[in-house]
Amino acid sequence: MGLSSWWAVAFVVQWLLVVALCVVVVALARQVGTLHLRLGPRGALEVDSEGPPLGEAPPPRPAELDGGGRVMLGGPGVPRLVLFVSPTCPICEEVKPSAPAAASSAGLSAQLVHDADAERWWNVPGTPFAVVMDRTGVVRAKGTVNNLEQLEGLVDTAERRGAGDLHREAS
């Protein structure tokens, strides 16, 4: 067998290996897709050390609203969903329109807050970060949210933990 025959054999073997590698990559991509579908959407990231403590009522503090104006964060009042946002956060721009809908589905008011001092005061790790408070001002749920499903899940969690304290009193 001459030198050119060895090159031809090596060339064919190389292409067979490339085709086999492509088959393996496609099979792995399919498995990743299957796992992604099986896991489904993930809930809001709720970390105990971030945000105001669960089950406690943070003291009232004034804060700037996203569209201008001020609001009192904390303290008793209407049950509310507080969403901390930032104008430089692209995910916030996707989540902001969802906040009023997610809040109203549970009888909550929605407050979109853009205030760095309030974020530090409430130990918010970053935006978008949501806090659900009942009418006594107690934090029922909190967490980093990235989409409508996570925001709705956080509101559902607050409803389960709130045991009726979330809904507005009948007037």
Protein backbone atom coordinates (compact mmCIF):
# COMPACT_ATOMS: atom_id res chain seq x y z
CA MET A 1 0.00 0.00 0.00
CA GLY A 2 1.46 3.31 -1.09
CA LEU A 3 1.54 6.64 0.71
CA SER A 4 -1.40 8.05 -1.28
CA SER A 5 -3.53 5.04 -0.26
CA TRP A 6 -2.92 5.80 3.42
CA TRP A 7 -3.99 9.41 2.87
CA ALA A 8 -7.18 8.25 1.18
CA VAL A 9 -7.98 5.85 4.04
CA ALA A 10 -7.24 8.55 6.64
CA PHE A 11 -9.47 11.00 4.74
CA VAL A 12 -12.39 8.54 4.64
CA VAL A 13 -11.98 7.65 8.35
CA GLN A 14 -11.89 11.34 9.23
CA TRP A 15 -15.19 11.96 7.41
CA LEU A 16 -16.78 8.95 9.08
CA LEU A 17 -15.76 10.36 12.47
CA VAL A 18 -17.18 13.79 11.56
CA VAL A 19 -20.51 12.22 10.55
CA ALA A 20 -20.59 10.17 13.78
CA LEU A 21 -19.85 13.31 15.81
CA CYS A 22 -22.73 15.13 14.07
CA VAL A 23 -25.11 12.30 14.96
CA VAL A 24 -24.00 12.45 18.62
CA VAL A 25 -24.49 16.26 18.74
CA VAL A 26 -27.99 15.98 17.28
CA ALA A 27 -28.88 13.24 19.79
CA LEU A 28 -27.60 15.35 22.70
CA ALA A 29 -29.48 18.43 21.48
CA ARG A 30 -32.66 16.38 21.34
CA GLN A 31 -32.11 15.15 24.91
CA VAL A 32 -31.54 18.71 26.15
CA GLY A 33 -34.78 19.79 24.47
CA THR A 34 -36.66 16.90 26.06
CA LEU A 35 -35.31 17.81 29.51
CA HIS A 36 -36.22 21.45 28.96
CA LEU A 37 -39.82 20.51 28.12
CA ARG A 38 -40.02 18.09 31.04
CA LEU A 39 -38.79 20.63 33.60
CA GLY A 40 -41.18 23.35 32.47
CA PRO A 41 -41.02 26.96 33.62
CA ARG A 42 -39.14 27.67 36.82
CA GLY A 43 -40.65 29.64 39.68
CA ALA A 44 -39.48 32.94 41.04
CA LEU A 45 -36.10 32.81 42.73
CA GLU A 46 -36.89 33.22 46.43
CA VAL A 47 -33.80 33.50 48.64
CA ASP A 48 -34.29 34.01 52.38
CA SER A 49 -31.38 36.45 52.76
CA GLU A 50 -32.63 38.73 49.96
CA GLY A 51 -35.38 41.29 50.28
CA PRO A 52 -37.43 42.01 53.38
CA PRO A 53 -37.90 39.02 55.71
CA LEU A 54 -40.88 36.73 55.04
CA GLY A 55 -43.61 36.91 57.66
CA GLU A 56 -42.50 40.31 58.90
CA ALA A 57 -43.78 43.82 58.25
CA PRO A 58 -41.00 46.16 57.15
CA PRO A 59 -41.29 49.70 58.54
CA PRO A 60 -42.97 52.22 56.23
CA ARG A 61 -40.60 54.15 53.98
CA PRO A 62 -41.26 56.60 51.13
CA ALA A 63 -40.09 55.56 47.67
CA GLU A 64 -40.13 56.85 44.09
CA LEU A 65 -42.53 55.23 41.64
CA ASP A 66 -41.34 54.20 38.19
CA GLY A 67 -43.48 56.72 36.32
CA GLY A 68 -42.87 59.53 38.82
CA GLY A 69 -44.55 60.29 42.08
CA ARG A 70 -44.03 58.80 45.50
CA VAL A 71 -45.52 55.94 47.48
CA MET A 72 -45.20 54.66 51.03
CA LEU A 73 -43.60 51.22 51.02
CA GLY A 74 -44.47 49.01 53.94
CA GLY A 75 -46.98 49.51 56.70
CA PRO A 76 -50.64 48.59 56.71
CA GLY A 77 -52.77 49.39 53.69
CA VAL A 78 -54.23 47.69 50.69
CA PRO A 79 -52.68 44.32 49.80
CA ARG A 80 -50.03 45.04 47.20
CA LEU A 81 -47.48 43.73 44.77
CA VAL A 82 -44.34 45.87 44.84
CA LEU A 83 -42.13 45.41 41.78
CA PHE A 84 -38.67 46.97 41.90
CA VAL A 85 -37.56 47.94 38.38
CA SER A 86 -34.76 49.84 36.69
CA PRO A 87 -34.79 51.77 33.40
CA THR A 88 -31.54 50.07 32.35
CA CYS A 89 -32.94 46.56 32.88
CA PRO A 90 -34.29 44.95 29.67
CA ILE A 91 -36.04 42.17 31.61
CA CYS A 92 -37.84 44.82 33.68
CA GLU A 93 -39.32 46.26 30.49
CA GLU A 94 -40.77 42.81 29.70
CA VAL A 95 -42.11 42.23 33.23
CA LYS A 96 -43.55 45.71 33.95
CA PRO A 97 -46.67 45.37 31.78
CA SER A 98 -47.47 42.05 33.52
CA ALA A 99 -47.45 43.44 37.06
CA PRO A 100 -50.91 45.09 37.07
CA ALA A 101 -52.54 42.00 35.55
CA ALA A 102 -50.86 39.59 37.97
CA ALA A 103 -51.73 41.86 40.91
CA SER A 104 -55.37 42.42 39.98
CA SER A 105 -55.95 38.67 39.53
CA ALA A 106 -55.46 38.35 43.31
CA GLY A 107 -57.09 41.63 44.33
CA LEU A 108 -53.76 43.37 44.88
CA SER A 109 -52.67 46.84 43.87
CA ALA A 110 -49.45 47.07 41.85
CA GLN A 111 -46.64 49.47 42.70
CA LEU A 112 -43.71 49.74 40.29
CA VAL A 113 -40.82 51.23 42.25
CA HIS A 114 -37.65 52.75 40.85
CA ASP A 115 -35.70 53.91 43.90
CA ALA A 116 -32.10 52.86 44.64
CA ASP A 117 -32.38 53.93 48.30
CA ALA A 118 -35.51 51.82 48.80
CA GLU A 119 -33.77 48.87 47.13
CA ARG A 120 -30.88 49.16 49.60
CA TRP A 121 -33.27 49.63 52.53
CA TRP A 122 -35.21 46.49 51.57
CA ASN A 123 -32.06 44.51 50.68
CA VAL A 124 -33.17 43.98 47.06
CA PRO A 125 -30.42 42.06 45.21
CA GLY A 126 -31.33 43.39 41.75
CA THR A 127 -34.21 44.10 39.43
CA PRO A 128 -36.83 42.93 38.67
CA PHE A 129 -37.62 41.93 42.25
CA ALA A 130 -41.18 41.49 43.53
CA VAL A 131 -42.59 41.63 47.05
CA VAL A 132 -46.20 40.72 47.90
CA MET A 133 -47.59 42.24 51.10
CA ASP A 134 -50.93 41.65 52.81
CA ARG A 135 -53.17 44.39 54.25
CA THR A 136 -51.23 44.43 57.53
CA GLY A 137 -47.96 45.06 55.67
CA VAL A 138 -46.57 41.56 56.26
CA VAL A 139 -44.39 40.15 53.47
CA ARG A 140 -46.08 36.99 52.15
CA ALA A 141 -43.80 36.29 49.16
CA LYS A 142 -40.75 37.80 47.51
CA GLY A 143 -38.30 36.95 44.79
CA THR A 144 -36.53 37.75 41.56
CA VAL A 145 -38.93 37.39 38.62
CA ASN A 146 -38.12 37.21 34.92
CA ASN A 147 -41.51 36.73 33.27
CA LEU A 148 -45.28 36.75 33.79
CA GLU A 149 -45.39 33.09 34.84
CA GLN A 150 -42.92 33.68 37.66
CA LEU A 151 -44.80 36.80 38.77
CA GLU A 152 -48.11 34.89 38.82
CA GLY A 153 -46.43 32.04 40.70
CA LEU A 154 -45.17 34.48 43.32
CA VAL A 155 -48.68 35.90 43.76
CA ASP A 156 -50.09 32.36 44.09
CA THR A 157 -47.46 31.56 46.72
CA ALA A 158 -48.42 34.71 48.63
CA GLU A 159 -52.09 33.71 48.50
CA ARG A 160 -51.28 30.28 49.94
CA ARG A 161 -49.18 31.80 52.71
CA GLY A 162 -51.56 34.68 53.38
CA ALA A 163 -54.58 32.57 54.28
CA GLY A 164 -57.08 35.26 53.35
CA ASP A 165 -55.11 38.32 54.47
CA LEU A 166 -54.27 39.26 50.89
CA HIS A 167 -57.71 40.07 49.58
CA ARG A 168 -59.10 43.55 49.99
CA GLU A 169 -61.85 43.98 52.53
CA ALA A 170 -65.29 44.52 51.04
CA SER A 171 -66.27 48.18 51.15
